[in-house]
Amino acid sequence: MDYHPDFHLAARPRSGWKALAELALLAVAFIGLQVLAVLALGLINPGAVEESVATGGAGAFDIFAIALSLPAAFVAARLTGRDPGALLSVERRVRWPLVGRALAVAAPVYAVVAAVDLASEEVTLTAGTLLTAAVFLAVVPLQAATEEAVFRGALPQIVGNWIRSPWLAYGAAAAPFVALHIYNWIGLVDVLVICLCLSYLTWRSGGLEQAIVVHACSNLSVFIPQALRPGVLPTTDIGWAEGLGTALLTVAVTAAVARWGGSASAQALPSGLTATRPGSR
């Protein structure tokens, strides 16, 4: 595959003040849109707020709120004078062949995970639960895309205004990504593992497509079973066996997507940048 590891440098060259302005706008838009979503969804279904509190922010209500904040990163980029398409890939667009091939690798694996989970406990198959599952199928990819645009796109590119090292650029976005999740320490380590894996896929492919696919498939393997068990609230207290198993699965899927997830065409990188092979300086 053609490597495009300079995706985090896509905002160069520009004034550091513009980078700081984008960071501020990103924070305001990302948090502000979620607050508005919470207020709106709370008016529609007040009980959802109670569920959100009971699940520590790991429930369906929170997934919807994050999904509705999808425009945040793109609006912040546009308002500070750069092409929002740079948040998608080094080709400034969605590379659909990479999406399709990543899906072909990741979706069957996580479908099996969801099937095993569903087989382990009794599920409720009604028109309501099936509709909820269908809604999750539509919304969770948007939630995953939102988080990838912010934490593997915008934040590394903002840091990349000053620092060329991908380790530091993607690493700087790891802490807020982990902080977005409310789990015990085992669960947070698991979140850190998927953060590192998604950062690797983004760095390696020069775009968000593969990371979004893996993120969405992983989340769907959790939320589809949740939709079919409406009486069971999700837990934030993760056991070590579950955490270790999930982390190993994430690493294995990441390796498979990197190996068989498709090739990116060797398009021109942003002005002034040169693609480098892994390990080069």
Protein backbone atom coordinates (compact mmCIF):
# COMPACT_ATOMS: atom_id res chain seq x y z
CA MET A 1 0.00 0.00 0.00
CA ASP A 2 1.11 3.59 -0.58
CA TYR A 3 1.92 5.24 2.74
CA HIS A 4 0.67 8.77 3.42
CA PRO A 5 1.92 9.43 6.97
CA ASP A 6 1.82 13.23 6.63
CA PHE A 7 -1.95 13.49 7.09
CA HIS A 8 -1.37 15.20 10.45
CA LEU A 9 0.54 17.96 8.61
CA ALA A 10 -2.34 18.80 6.25
CA ALA A 11 -3.03 22.20 7.85
CA ARG A 12 0.46 23.52 7.08
CA PRO A 13 1.59 26.15 6.32
CA ARG A 14 -0.43 28.71 8.26
CA SER A 15 -0.27 31.09 11.20
CA GLY A 16 -0.13 29.62 14.68
CA TRP A 17 -2.90 32.02 15.67
CA LYS A 18 -5.21 30.41 13.14
CA ALA A 19 -4.39 27.01 14.61
CA LEU A 20 -5.25 28.26 18.09
CA ALA A 21 -8.46 29.80 16.75
CA GLU A 22 -9.41 26.48 15.16
CA LEU A 23 -8.73 24.68 18.44
CA ALA A 24 -10.99 27.09 20.32
CA LEU A 25 -13.75 26.89 17.73
CA LEU A 26 -13.48 23.10 17.67
CA ALA A 27 -13.93 22.89 21.44
CA VAL A 28 -16.86 25.30 21.45
CA ALA A 29 -18.60 23.61 18.50
CA PHE A 30 -17.98 20.03 19.66
CA ILE A 31 -19.15 20.66 23.22
CA GLY A 32 -21.82 23.19 22.28
CA LEU A 33 -23.51 20.96 19.71
CA GLN A 34 -23.60 18.12 22.23
CA VAL A 35 -25.17 20.37 24.86
CA LEU A 36 -27.82 21.46 22.36
CA ALA A 37 -28.40 17.83 21.40
CA VAL A 38 -28.76 16.83 25.06
CA LEU A 39 -31.28 19.61 25.66
CA ALA A 40 -33.29 18.72 22.57
CA LEU A 41 -33.24 14.97 23.16
CA GLY A 42 -34.00 15.52 26.84
CA LEU A 43 -37.14 17.44 25.94
CA ILE A 44 -38.21 14.63 23.62
CA ASN A 45 -37.42 11.85 26.09
CA PRO A 46 -36.68 13.03 29.66
CA GLY A 47 -36.04 9.45 30.76
CA ALA A 48 -33.02 9.29 28.47
CA VAL A 49 -31.20 11.80 30.68
CA GLU A 50 -31.67 9.52 33.67
CA GLU A 51 -30.36 6.59 31.64
CA SER A 52 -27.31 8.62 30.62
CA VAL A 53 -26.52 9.37 34.25
CA ALA A 54 -27.13 5.74 35.27
CA THR A 55 -24.79 4.41 32.57
CA GLY A 56 -22.06 6.97 33.18
CA GLY A 57 -22.33 8.36 29.67
CA ALA A 58 -22.17 4.98 27.94
CA GLY A 59 -25.74 4.76 26.72
CA ALA A 60 -27.67 5.40 23.55
CA PHE A 61 -28.51 8.96 24.52
CA ASP A 62 -24.82 9.89 24.50
CA ILE A 63 -24.23 8.21 21.13
CA PHE A 64 -26.94 10.37 19.59
CA ALA A 65 -25.53 13.55 21.15
CA ILE A 66 -22.04 12.86 19.77
CA ALA A 67 -23.40 11.95 16.33
CA LEU A 68 -25.26 15.26 16.13
CA SER A 69 -21.97 17.12 16.70
CA LEU A 70 -20.47 15.77 13.45
CA PRO A 71 -20.22 19.23 11.81
CA ALA A 72 -17.99 20.61 14.60
CA ALA A 73 -14.56 19.79 13.16
CA PHE A 74 -15.51 20.78 9.62
CA VAL A 75 -17.07 24.09 10.69
CA ALA A 76 -13.99 24.96 12.79
CA ALA A 77 -11.71 24.23 9.83
CA ARG A 78 -13.81 26.28 7.40
CA LEU A 79 -14.10 29.28 9.74
CA THR A 80 -10.32 29.41 10.13
CA GLY A 81 -9.72 29.43 6.41
CA ARG A 82 -8.75 25.90 5.48
CA ASP A 83 -10.35 23.20 3.38
CA PRO A 84 -12.55 20.95 5.56
CA GLY A 85 -11.86 18.16 3.09
CA ALA A 86 -8.34 17.96 4.52
CA LEU A 87 -9.90 16.36 7.59
CA LEU A 88 -11.00 13.36 5.51
CA SER A 89 -7.80 12.25 3.81
CA VAL A 90 -4.68 13.44 2.03
CA GLU A 91 -6.80 13.42 -1.13
CA ARG A 92 -9.31 15.76 0.58
CA ARG A 93 -12.20 13.40 -0.04
CA VAL A 94 -13.59 10.08 1.15
CA ARG A 95 -11.76 7.23 -0.58
CA TRP A 96 -14.66 4.83 -0.89
CA PRO A 97 -12.62 1.80 -2.03
CA LEU A 98 -10.80 1.94 1.32
CA VAL A 99 -14.14 2.10 3.12
CA GLY A 100 -15.46 -0.94 1.26
CA ARG A 101 -12.35 -3.06 1.79
CA ALA A 102 -12.08 -2.15 5.46
CA LEU A 103 -15.72 -3.12 5.88
CA ALA A 104 -15.07 -6.45 4.17
CA VAL A 105 -12.38 -7.18 6.76
CA ALA A 106 -13.84 -5.70 9.96
CA ALA A 107 -17.61 -6.16 9.62
CA PRO A 108 -17.65 -10.00 9.57
CA VAL A 109 -15.41 -10.16 12.65
CA TYR A 110 -17.53 -7.82 14.72
CA ALA A 111 -20.74 -9.43 13.42
CA VAL A 112 -19.51 -12.70 14.93
CA VAL A 113 -18.69 -10.90 18.19
CA ALA A 114 -22.22 -9.45 18.31
CA ALA A 115 -23.76 -12.84 17.46
CA VAL A 116 -21.84 -14.57 20.26
CA ASP A 117 -22.93 -11.85 22.68
CA LEU A 118 -26.57 -12.18 21.60
CA ALA A 119 -26.42 -15.96 21.98
CA SER A 120 -25.14 -15.66 25.55
CA GLU A 121 -28.29 -14.06 26.99
CA GLU A 122 -31.99 -13.83 26.19
CA VAL A 123 -32.94 -11.07 23.75
CA THR A 124 -36.23 -9.30 23.14
CA LEU A 125 -37.32 -9.27 19.51
CA THR A 126 -40.13 -6.80 19.08
CA ALA A 127 -40.89 -4.09 16.55
CA GLY A 128 -39.51 -1.57 19.05
CA THR A 129 -36.19 -3.31 19.72
CA LEU A 130 -35.64 -4.05 16.03
CA LEU A 131 -36.33 -0.41 15.20
CA THR A 132 -33.84 0.65 17.88
CA ALA A 133 -31.23 -1.67 16.39
CA ALA A 134 -31.88 -0.22 12.93
CA VAL A 135 -31.49 3.31 14.29
CA PHE A 136 -28.18 2.31 15.86
CA LEU A 137 -27.04 0.99 12.48
CA ALA A 138 -27.63 4.46 11.06
CA VAL A 139 -26.40 6.59 13.97
CA VAL A 140 -23.33 4.76 15.31
CA PRO A 141 -21.29 5.27 12.10
CA LEU A 142 -22.00 9.01 12.42
CA GLN A 143 -20.87 8.93 16.05
CA ALA A 144 -17.68 7.12 15.05
CA ALA A 145 -17.09 9.57 12.20
CA THR A 146 -17.54 12.50 14.60
CA GLU A 147 -14.95 11.19 17.04
CA GLU A 148 -12.50 10.34 14.26
CA ALA A 149 -12.86 13.77 12.64
CA VAL A 150 -12.08 15.41 15.98
CA PHE A 151 -9.48 13.09 17.53
CA ARG A 152 -7.70 11.58 14.52
CA GLY A 153 -8.30 14.48 12.14
CA ALA A 154 -8.63 17.98 13.58
CA LEU A 155 -6.58 17.72 16.78
CA PRO A 156 -3.52 16.01 15.24
CA GLN A 157 -3.61 18.49 12.35
CA ILE A 158 -3.81 21.43 14.76
CA VAL A 159 -0.84 20.08 16.75
CA GLY A 160 0.87 19.37 13.43
CA ASN A 161 1.07 23.12 12.83
CA TRP A 162 3.99 23.18 15.28
CA ILE A 163 5.19 19.58 15.57
CA ARG A 164 6.07 17.25 12.71
CA SER A 165 6.24 14.10 14.85
CA PRO A 166 3.16 11.91 14.33
CA TRP A 167 3.80 10.35 17.75
CA LEU A 168 3.26 13.71 19.42
CA ALA A 169 0.49 14.89 17.08
CA TYR A 170 -1.68 11.79 17.52
CA GLY A 171 -0.53 11.34 21.11
CA ALA A 172 -1.77 14.80 22.05
CA ALA A 173 -5.27 13.78 20.95
CA ALA A 174 -5.19 10.52 22.92
CA ALA A 175 -5.77 12.04 26.36
CA PRO A 176 -8.98 13.94 25.49
CA PHE A 177 -10.26 10.91 23.55
CA VAL A 178 -9.78 8.63 26.55
CA ALA A 179 -11.29 11.30 28.83
CA LEU A 180 -14.43 11.32 26.66
CA HIS A 181 -15.15 7.79 27.94
CA ILE A 182 -16.24 7.06 31.49
CA TYR A 183 -15.06 3.59 32.54
CA ASN A 184 -13.00 2.03 35.28
CA TRP A 185 -9.24 1.89 34.71
CA ILE A 186 -9.45 -1.40 32.79
CA GLY A 187 -12.00 0.07 30.43
CA LEU A 188 -9.90 3.20 29.94
CA VAL A 189 -6.84 1.09 29.06
CA ASP A 190 -9.03 -0.67 26.48
CA VAL A 191 -10.08 2.73 25.10
CA LEU A 192 -6.41 3.76 24.90
CA VAL A 193 -5.62 0.62 22.90
CA ILE A 194 -8.31 1.34 20.32
CA CYS A 195 -7.15 4.98 20.23
CA LEU A 196 -3.62 3.88 19.35
CA CYS A 197 -4.88 1.40 16.77
CA LEU A 198 -7.14 3.95 15.08
CA SER A 199 -4.30 6.48 15.09
CA TYR A 200 -2.07 3.91 13.40
CA LEU A 201 -4.63 3.25 10.67
CA THR A 202 -5.08 6.99 10.12
CA TRP A 203 -1.34 7.62 9.98
CA ARG A 204 -0.67 4.65 7.71
CA SER A 205 -3.45 5.31 5.19
CA GLY A 206 -3.37 9.10 5.31
CA GLY A 207 -7.04 9.45 6.17
CA LEU A 208 -9.93 8.59 8.45
CA GLU A 209 -11.77 5.98 6.37
CA GLN A 210 -10.33 2.80 7.87
CA ALA A 211 -10.41 4.19 11.41
CA ILE A 212 -14.08 5.15 11.06
CA VAL A 213 -14.98 1.67 9.79
CA VAL A 214 -13.19 -0.16 12.60
CA HIS A 215 -14.54 2.27 15.22
CA ALA A 216 -18.11 1.95 13.94
CA CYS A 217 -18.02 -1.85 13.64
CA SER A 218 -16.58 -2.17 17.14
CA ASN A 219 -19.26 0.08 18.63
CA LEU A 220 -22.06 -1.64 16.72
CA SER A 221 -20.99 -4.99 18.16
CA VAL A 222 -21.82 -3.48 21.55
CA PHE A 223 -24.87 -1.36 20.78
CA ILE A 224 -26.81 -3.82 18.62
CA PRO A 225 -26.95 -6.39 21.46
CA GLN A 226 -27.81 -3.53 23.83
CA ALA A 227 -30.73 -2.53 21.60
CA LEU A 228 -32.11 -6.07 21.73
CA ARG A 229 -31.88 -6.17 25.55
CA PRO A 230 -33.76 -3.01 26.52
CA GLY A 231 -33.95 -3.90 30.19
CA VAL A 232 -30.19 -4.23 30.65
CA LEU A 233 -28.22 -1.01 31.16
CA PRO A 234 -24.64 -0.94 29.82
CA THR A 235 -21.92 -1.07 32.45
CA THR A 236 -18.81 1.07 32.84
CA ASP A 237 -17.19 -1.44 35.20
CA ILE A 238 -15.12 -3.57 32.82
CA GLY A 239 -13.53 -6.83 33.99
CA TRP A 240 -9.92 -7.66 33.14
CA ALA A 241 -10.83 -10.68 31.00
CA GLU A 242 -13.30 -8.67 28.93
CA GLY A 243 -10.87 -5.76 28.63
CA LEU A 244 -7.99 -7.99 27.56
CA GLY A 245 -10.15 -9.84 25.04
CA THR A 246 -11.46 -6.63 23.51
CA ALA A 247 -7.97 -5.12 23.30
CA LEU A 248 -6.51 -8.19 21.60
CA LEU A 249 -9.42 -8.26 19.16
CA THR A 250 -8.87 -4.58 18.34
CA VAL A 251 -5.18 -5.17 17.64
CA ALA A 252 -5.95 -8.20 15.46
CA VAL A 253 -8.62 -6.37 13.42
CA THR A 254 -6.31 -3.37 13.02
CA ALA A 255 -3.53 -5.59 11.72
CA ALA A 256 -5.93 -7.29 9.29
CA VAL A 257 -7.30 -4.00 7.97
CA ALA A 258 -3.78 -2.64 7.56
CA ARG A 259 -2.79 -5.79 5.67
CA TRP A 260 -5.87 -6.40 3.55
CA GLY A 261 -7.89 -3.20 3.83
CA GLY A 262 -7.00 -1.90 0.40
CA SER A 263 -4.55 0.48 -1.23
CA ALA A 264 -4.71 4.22 -1.44
CA SER A 265 -3.92 5.77 -4.79
CA ALA A 266 -0.74 7.85 -4.83
CA GLN A 267 -2.39 11.22 -5.12
CA ALA A 268 -0.61 14.50 -4.40
CA LEU A 269 -0.22 15.43 -0.77
CA PRO A 270 -1.02 18.90 0.54
CA SER A 271 1.22 21.60 -0.85
CA GLY A 272 4.81 21.39 0.35
CA LEU A 273 4.55 17.91 1.87
CA THR A 274 6.33 14.76 0.80
CA ALA A 275 5.21 11.26 1.65
CA THR A 276 7.68 9.25 3.75
CA ARG A 277 7.96 5.58 4.46
CA PRO A 278 7.40 4.29 8.00
CA GLY A 279 10.42 4.90 10.16
CA SER A 280 11.81 7.68 7.99
CA ARG A 281 12.60 11.10 9.43
